[in-house]
């Protein structure tokens, strides 16, 4: 699914997507419906992503995803409560990044043609190292956020954000460069 190729309704890949969705629902219900220690959260996220998540990872549930297998999480990443990741197209979060409450990261679009509307068009989202995504932000498919950038709370990120910059608004636009000392 992370190939950026169209996924047609009813295709083998579409069926695999639904299977992965059911697995993700099962694992996120374990994450969201009882207390888990930070170590148990790391273990559950490793199961969710299918890769070993670093022991420095932290997440405050609830957390929602409809796939899980296309999430790559760096070291010292923190995901705050109520985040929603639509990761079929791939989500990569670099070391030291902070993802604020209620952040949505989307990696799928539907076809513009009404006759093919159920077809999916995946496009990855890449968040660099030491990025701070403010609460209630939405990051749309295909966006890359450069290292050390800040996304202001409530922003809707529709295009790439350069490293060391602050982007805010709807649509998000760069308002300032950050001086790294």
C-alpha atoms as a PDB file:
ATOM      1  CA  UNK A   1       0.000   0.000   0.000  1.00  0.00           C
ATOM      2  CA  UNK A   2       2.945   2.351   0.490  1.00  0.00           C
ATOM      3  CA  UNK A   3       3.734   2.188  -3.255  1.00  0.00           C
ATOM      4  CA  UNK A   4       1.495   5.174  -4.134  1.00  0.00           C
ATOM      5  CA  UNK A   5      -0.353   2.951  -6.621  1.00  0.00           C
ATOM      6  CA  UNK A   6      -4.138   3.090  -6.864  1.00  0.00           C
ATOM      7  CA  UNK A   7      -5.921   0.420  -4.827  1.00  0.00           C
ATOM      8  CA  UNK A   8      -9.075  -0.641  -6.654  1.00  0.00           C
ATOM      9  CA  UNK A   9     -12.265  -1.474  -4.805  1.00  0.00           C
ATOM     10  CA  UNK A  10     -12.546  -5.262  -4.473  1.00  0.00           C
ATOM     11  CA  UNK A  11      -8.919  -5.942  -5.445  1.00  0.00           C
ATOM     12  CA  UNK A  12      -6.652  -8.311  -3.524  1.00  0.00           C
ATOM     13  CA  UNK A  13      -4.933  -5.328  -1.867  1.00  0.00           C
ATOM     14  CA  UNK A  14      -8.331  -3.889  -0.882  1.00  0.00           C
ATOM     15  CA  UNK A  15      -9.180  -7.201   0.818  1.00  0.00           C
ATOM     16  CA  UNK A  16      -5.788  -7.190   2.605  1.00  0.00           C
ATOM     17  CA  UNK A  17      -6.552  -3.646   3.795  1.00  0.00           C
ATOM     18  CA  UNK A  18      -9.776  -4.835   5.410  1.00  0.00           C
ATOM     19  CA  UNK A  19      -7.957  -7.733   7.105  1.00  0.00           C
ATOM     20  CA  UNK A  20      -5.310  -5.352   8.496  1.00  0.00           C
ATOM     21  CA  UNK A  21      -8.063  -2.977   9.636  1.00  0.00           C
ATOM     22  CA  UNK A  22      -9.668  -5.705  11.717  1.00  0.00           C
ATOM     23  CA  UNK A  23      -6.298  -6.567  13.305  1.00  0.00           C
ATOM     24  CA  UNK A  24      -5.673  -2.866  14.057  1.00  0.00           C
ATOM     25  CA  UNK A  25      -9.118  -2.536  15.658  1.00  0.00           C
ATOM     26  CA  UNK A  26      -8.342  -5.475  17.912  1.00  0.00           C
ATOM     27  CA  UNK A  27      -4.947  -4.113  19.014  1.00  0.00           C
ATOM     28  CA  UNK A  28      -6.147  -0.514  19.475  1.00  0.00           C
ATOM     29  CA  UNK A  29      -8.998  -1.791  21.640  1.00  0.00           C
ATOM     30  CA  UNK A  30      -6.315  -3.351  23.885  1.00  0.00           C
ATOM     31  CA  UNK A  31      -4.497  -0.008  23.940  1.00  0.00           C
ATOM     32  CA  UNK A  32      -7.612   2.091  24.552  1.00  0.00           C
ATOM     33  CA  UNK A  33      -9.840   0.079  26.859  1.00  0.00           C
ATOM     34  CA  UNK A  34      -7.660  -0.634  29.875  1.00  0.00           C
ATOM     35  CA  UNK A  35      -4.690   0.817  31.674  1.00  0.00           C
ATOM     36  CA  UNK A  36      -1.334  -0.210  30.193  1.00  0.00           C
ATOM     37  CA  UNK A  37       2.090   0.642  31.570  1.00  0.00           C
ATOM     38  CA  UNK A  38       4.439   2.563  29.259  1.00  0.00           C
ATOM     39  CA  UNK A  39       6.265  -0.728  28.639  1.00  0.00           C
ATOM     40  CA  UNK A  40       2.997  -2.433  27.661  1.00  0.00           C
ATOM     41  CA  UNK A  41       2.180   0.450  25.287  1.00  0.00           C
ATOM     42  CA  UNK A  42       5.561  -0.084  23.572  1.00  0.00           C
ATOM     43  CA  UNK A  43       4.780  -3.793  23.295  1.00  0.00           C
ATOM     44  CA  UNK A  44       1.294  -3.164  21.886  1.00  0.00           C
ATOM     45  CA  UNK A  45       2.574  -0.575  19.384  1.00  0.00           C
ATOM     46  CA  UNK A  46       5.238  -3.047  18.263  1.00  0.00           C
ATOM     47  CA  UNK A  47       2.470  -5.572  17.650  1.00  0.00           C
ATOM     48  CA  UNK A  48       0.351  -2.925  15.895  1.00  0.00           C
ATOM     49  CA  UNK A  49       3.149  -1.774  13.566  1.00  0.00           C
ATOM     50  CA  UNK A  50       4.747  -5.177  13.044  1.00  0.00           C
ATOM     51  CA  UNK A  51       8.153  -3.703  13.958  1.00  0.00           C
ATOM     52  CA  UNK A  52       9.982  -3.224  17.237  1.00  0.00           C
ATOM     53  CA  UNK A  53       9.115   0.218  18.609  1.00  0.00           C
ATOM     54  CA  UNK A  54      11.894   1.752  20.716  1.00  0.00           C
ATOM     55  CA  UNK A  55      11.448   1.569  24.495  1.00  0.00           C
ATOM     56  CA  UNK A  56      11.640   5.392  24.644  1.00  0.00           C
ATOM     57  CA  UNK A  57       8.294   5.700  22.772  1.00  0.00           C
ATOM     58  CA  UNK A  58       5.345   7.096  24.723  1.00  0.00           C
ATOM     59  CA  UNK A  59       1.662   7.377  23.878  1.00  0.00           C
ATOM     60  CA  UNK A  60      -1.314   8.552  25.915  1.00  0.00           C
ATOM     61  CA  UNK A  61      -4.385   6.610  24.754  1.00  0.00           C
ATOM     62  CA  UNK A  62      -6.800   6.599  23.195  1.00  0.00           C
ATOM     63  CA  UNK A  63      -5.099   6.104  19.836  1.00  0.00           C
ATOM     64  CA  UNK A  64      -6.782   5.114  16.582  1.00  0.00           C
ATOM     65  CA  UNK A  65      -5.517   3.709  13.305  1.00  0.00           C
ATOM     66  CA  UNK A  66      -7.137   1.744  10.532  1.00  0.00           C
ATOM     67  CA  UNK A  67      -4.049  -0.256   9.513  1.00  0.00           C
ATOM     68  CA  UNK A  68      -1.005   0.098  11.765  1.00  0.00           C
ATOM     69  CA  UNK A  69       1.476  -1.817   9.648  1.00  0.00           C
ATOM     70  CA  UNK A  70       2.628   1.286   7.743  1.00  0.00           C
ATOM     71  CA  UNK A  71       3.604   3.366  10.782  1.00  0.00           C
ATOM     72  CA  UNK A  72       7.325   3.877  11.463  1.00  0.00           C
ATOM     73  CA  UNK A  73       8.157   5.525  14.781  1.00  0.00           C
ATOM     74  CA  UNK A  74      11.592   6.850  15.751  1.00  0.00           C
ATOM     75  CA  UNK A  75      13.146   7.066  19.203  1.00  0.00           C
ATOM     76  CA  UNK A  76      11.810   9.427  21.897  1.00  0.00           C
ATOM     77  CA  UNK A  77       8.541  10.011  20.041  1.00  0.00           C
ATOM     78  CA  UNK A  78       5.483  11.099  22.047  1.00  0.00           C
ATOM     79  CA  UNK A  79       1.916  10.778  20.737  1.00  0.00           C
ATOM     80  CA  UNK A  80      -0.688  12.519  22.895  1.00  0.00           C
ATOM     81  CA  UNK A  81      -4.302  11.401  23.438  1.00  0.00           C
ATOM     82  CA  UNK A  82      -7.002  11.000  20.785  1.00  0.00           C
ATOM     83  CA  UNK A  83      -4.765  10.889  17.704  1.00  0.00           C
ATOM     84  CA  UNK A  84      -6.011   9.260  14.495  1.00  0.00           C
ATOM     85  CA  UNK A  85      -3.599   7.819  11.932  1.00  0.00           C
ATOM     86  CA  UNK A  86      -4.814   6.647   8.519  1.00  0.00           C
ATOM     87  CA  UNK A  87      -1.530   4.958   7.662  1.00  0.00           C
ATOM     88  CA  UNK A  88      -2.224   2.832   4.582  1.00  0.00           C
ATOM     89  CA  UNK A  89       0.008   5.120   2.499  1.00  0.00           C
ATOM     90  CA  UNK A  90       2.737   5.165   5.152  1.00  0.00           C
ATOM     91  CA  UNK A  91       3.475   7.417   8.128  1.00  0.00           C
ATOM     92  CA  UNK A  92       7.032   8.007   9.303  1.00  0.00           C
ATOM     93  CA  UNK A  93       7.722   9.961  12.497  1.00  0.00           C
ATOM     94  CA  UNK A  94      11.338  10.947  13.193  1.00  0.00           C
ATOM     95  CA  UNK A  95      13.232  10.800  16.466  1.00  0.00           C
ATOM     96  CA  UNK A  96      12.216  13.254  19.178  1.00  0.00           C
ATOM     97  CA  UNK A  97       8.938  14.337  17.571  1.00  0.00           C
ATOM     98  CA  UNK A  98       5.869  15.331  19.588  1.00  0.00           C
ATOM     99  CA  UNK A  99       2.364  14.771  18.221  1.00  0.00           C
ATOM    100  CA  UNK A 100      -0.313  16.844  19.997  1.00  0.00           C
ATOM    101  CA  UNK A 101      -3.827  15.882  21.148  1.00  0.00           C
ATOM    102  CA  UNK A 102      -6.404  15.096  18.458  1.00  0.00           C
ATOM    103  CA  UNK A 103      -3.943  15.130  15.580  1.00  0.00           C
ATOM    104  CA  UNK A 104      -5.131  13.422  12.408  1.00  0.00           C
ATOM    105  CA  UNK A 105      -2.646  12.121   9.855  1.00  0.00           C
ATOM    106  CA  UNK A 106      -4.248  11.006   6.576  1.00  0.00           C
ATOM    107  CA  UNK A 107      -2.487   9.111   3.793  1.00  0.00           C
ATOM    108  CA  UNK A 108      -5.407   8.199   1.511  1.00  0.00           C
ATOM    109  CA  UNK A 109      -7.524  10.014  -1.024  1.00  0.00           C
ATOM    110  CA  UNK A 110     -10.491   8.592  -2.901  1.00  0.00           C
ATOM    111  CA  UNK A 111     -10.764   8.711  -6.681  1.00  0.00           C
ATOM    112  CA  UNK A 112     -12.284  11.883  -8.131  1.00  0.00           C
ATOM    113  CA  UNK A 113     -14.287   9.870 -10.672  1.00  0.00           C
ATOM    114  CA  UNK A 114     -17.652   9.015  -9.044  1.00  0.00           C
ATOM    115  CA  UNK A 115     -17.716   5.637 -10.809  1.00  0.00           C
ATOM    116  CA  UNK A 116     -14.412   4.760  -9.092  1.00  0.00           C
ATOM    117  CA  UNK A 117     -14.940   6.709  -5.839  1.00  0.00           C
ATOM    118  CA  UNK A 118     -14.211   3.677  -3.597  1.00  0.00           C
ATOM    119  CA  UNK A 119     -10.726   3.317  -5.137  1.00  0.00           C
ATOM    120  CA  UNK A 120      -7.918   4.549  -2.901  1.00  0.00           C
ATOM    121  CA  UNK A 121      -4.858   6.648  -3.736  1.00  0.00           C
ATOM    122  CA  UNK A 122      -2.197   6.298  -1.004  1.00  0.00           C
ATOM    123  CA  UNK A 123       0.497   8.898  -0.445  1.00  0.00           C
ATOM    124  CA  UNK A 124       2.918   8.819   2.513  1.00  0.00           C
ATOM    125  CA  UNK A 125       3.366  11.422   5.241  1.00  0.00           C
ATOM    126  CA  UNK A 126       6.859  11.985   6.593  1.00  0.00           C
ATOM    127  CA  UNK A 127       7.477  13.900   9.808  1.00  0.00           C
ATOM    128  CA  UNK A 128      11.145  14.725  10.417  1.00  0.00           C
ATOM    129  CA  UNK A 129      13.147  14.684  13.624  1.00  0.00           C
ATOM    130  CA  UNK A 130      12.262  16.932  16.583  1.00  0.00           C
ATOM    131  CA  UNK A 131       9.023  18.148  15.019  1.00  0.00           C
ATOM    132  CA  UNK A 132       6.266  19.508  17.246  1.00  0.00           C
ATOM    133  CA  UNK A 133       2.748  19.063  15.847  1.00  0.00           C
ATOM    134  CA  UNK A 134       0.286  21.158  17.846  1.00  0.00           C
ATOM    135  CA  UNK A 135      -3.056  19.842  19.099  1.00  0.00           C
ATOM    136  CA  UNK A 136      -5.990  19.443  16.717  1.00  0.00           C
ATOM    137  CA  UNK A 137      -3.823  19.567  13.599  1.00  0.00           C
ATOM    138  CA  UNK A 138      -4.534  17.640  10.414  1.00  0.00           C
ATOM    139  CA  UNK A 139      -1.763  16.504   8.082  1.00  0.00           C
ATOM    140  CA  UNK A 140      -2.935  15.536   4.605  1.00  0.00           C
ATOM    141  CA  UNK A 141      -1.604  12.848   2.224  1.00  0.00           C
ATOM    142  CA  UNK A 142       1.829  13.334   0.666  1.00  0.00           C
ATOM    143  CA  UNK A 143       3.022  16.009   3.113  1.00  0.00           C
ATOM    144  CA  UNK A 144       6.600  16.107   4.402  1.00  0.00           C
ATOM    145  CA  UNK A 145       7.440  18.132   7.495  1.00  0.00           C
ATOM    146  CA  UNK A 146      11.118  18.993   7.848  1.00  0.00           C
ATOM    147  CA  UNK A 147      13.292  18.481  10.915  1.00  0.00           C
ATOM    148  CA  UNK A 148      12.684  20.807  13.869  1.00  0.00           C
ATOM    149  CA  UNK A 149       9.529  22.358  12.352  1.00  0.00           C
ATOM    150  CA  UNK A 150       6.537  23.404  14.440  1.00  0.00           C
ATOM    151  CA  UNK A 151       2.937  23.013  13.281  1.00  0.00           C
ATOM    152  CA  UNK A 152       0.652  25.407  15.151  1.00  0.00           C
ATOM    153  CA  UNK A 153      -2.387  24.027  16.964  1.00  0.00           C
ATOM    154  CA  UNK A 154      -5.438  23.589  14.772  1.00  0.00           C
ATOM    155  CA  UNK A 155      -3.505  23.795  11.512  1.00  0.00           C
ATOM    156  CA  UNK A 156      -4.386  21.890   8.365  1.00  0.00           C
ATOM    157  CA  UNK A 157      -1.161  20.984   6.589  1.00  0.00           C
ATOM    158  CA  UNK A 158      -1.781  20.620   2.858  1.00  0.00           C
ATOM    159  CA  UNK A 159       1.783  20.953   1.549  1.00  0.00           C
ATOM    160  CA  UNK A 160       5.360  20.392   2.635  1.00  0.00           C
ATOM    161  CA  UNK A 161       6.774  22.393   5.543  1.00  0.00           C
ATOM    162  CA  UNK A 162      10.506  23.182   5.438  1.00  0.00           C
ATOM    163  CA  UNK A 163      12.876  22.312   8.274  1.00  0.00           C
ATOM    164  CA  UNK A 164      13.265  24.841  11.094  1.00  0.00           C
ATOM    165  CA  UNK A 165      10.045  26.683  10.313  1.00  0.00           C
ATOM    166  CA  UNK A 166       6.746  27.421  12.019  1.00  0.00           C
ATOM    167  CA  UNK A 167       3.597  26.796   9.970  1.00  0.00           C
ATOM    168  CA  UNK A 168       0.075  27.696  11.127  1.00  0.00           C
ATOM    169  CA  UNK A 169      -3.450  28.075   9.813  1.00  0.00           C
ATOM    170  CA  UNK A 170      -5.881  26.592   7.337  1.00  0.00           C
ATOM    171  CA  UNK A 171      -4.219  25.899   5.060  1.00  0.00           C
ATOM    172  CA  UNK A 172      -0.992  25.989   7.065  1.00  0.00           C
ATOM    173  CA  UNK A 173       1.554  28.506   5.857  1.00  0.00           C
ATOM    174  CA  UNK A 174       5.058  29.258   7.072  1.00  0.00           C
ATOM    175  CA  UNK A 175       5.102  32.347   9.278  1.00  0.00           C
ATOM    176  CA  UNK A 176       8.576  32.183  10.751  1.00  0.00           C
ATOM    177  CA  UNK A 177      11.967  30.484  10.556  1.00  0.00           C
ATOM    178  CA  UNK A 178      13.391  29.056  13.776  1.00  0.00           C
ATOM    179  CA  UNK A 179      16.936  30.042  14.664  1.00  0.00           C
ATOM    180  CA  UNK A 180      18.804  26.947  15.852  1.00  0.00           C
ATOM    181  CA  UNK A 181      21.570  27.929  18.263  1.00  0.00           C
END
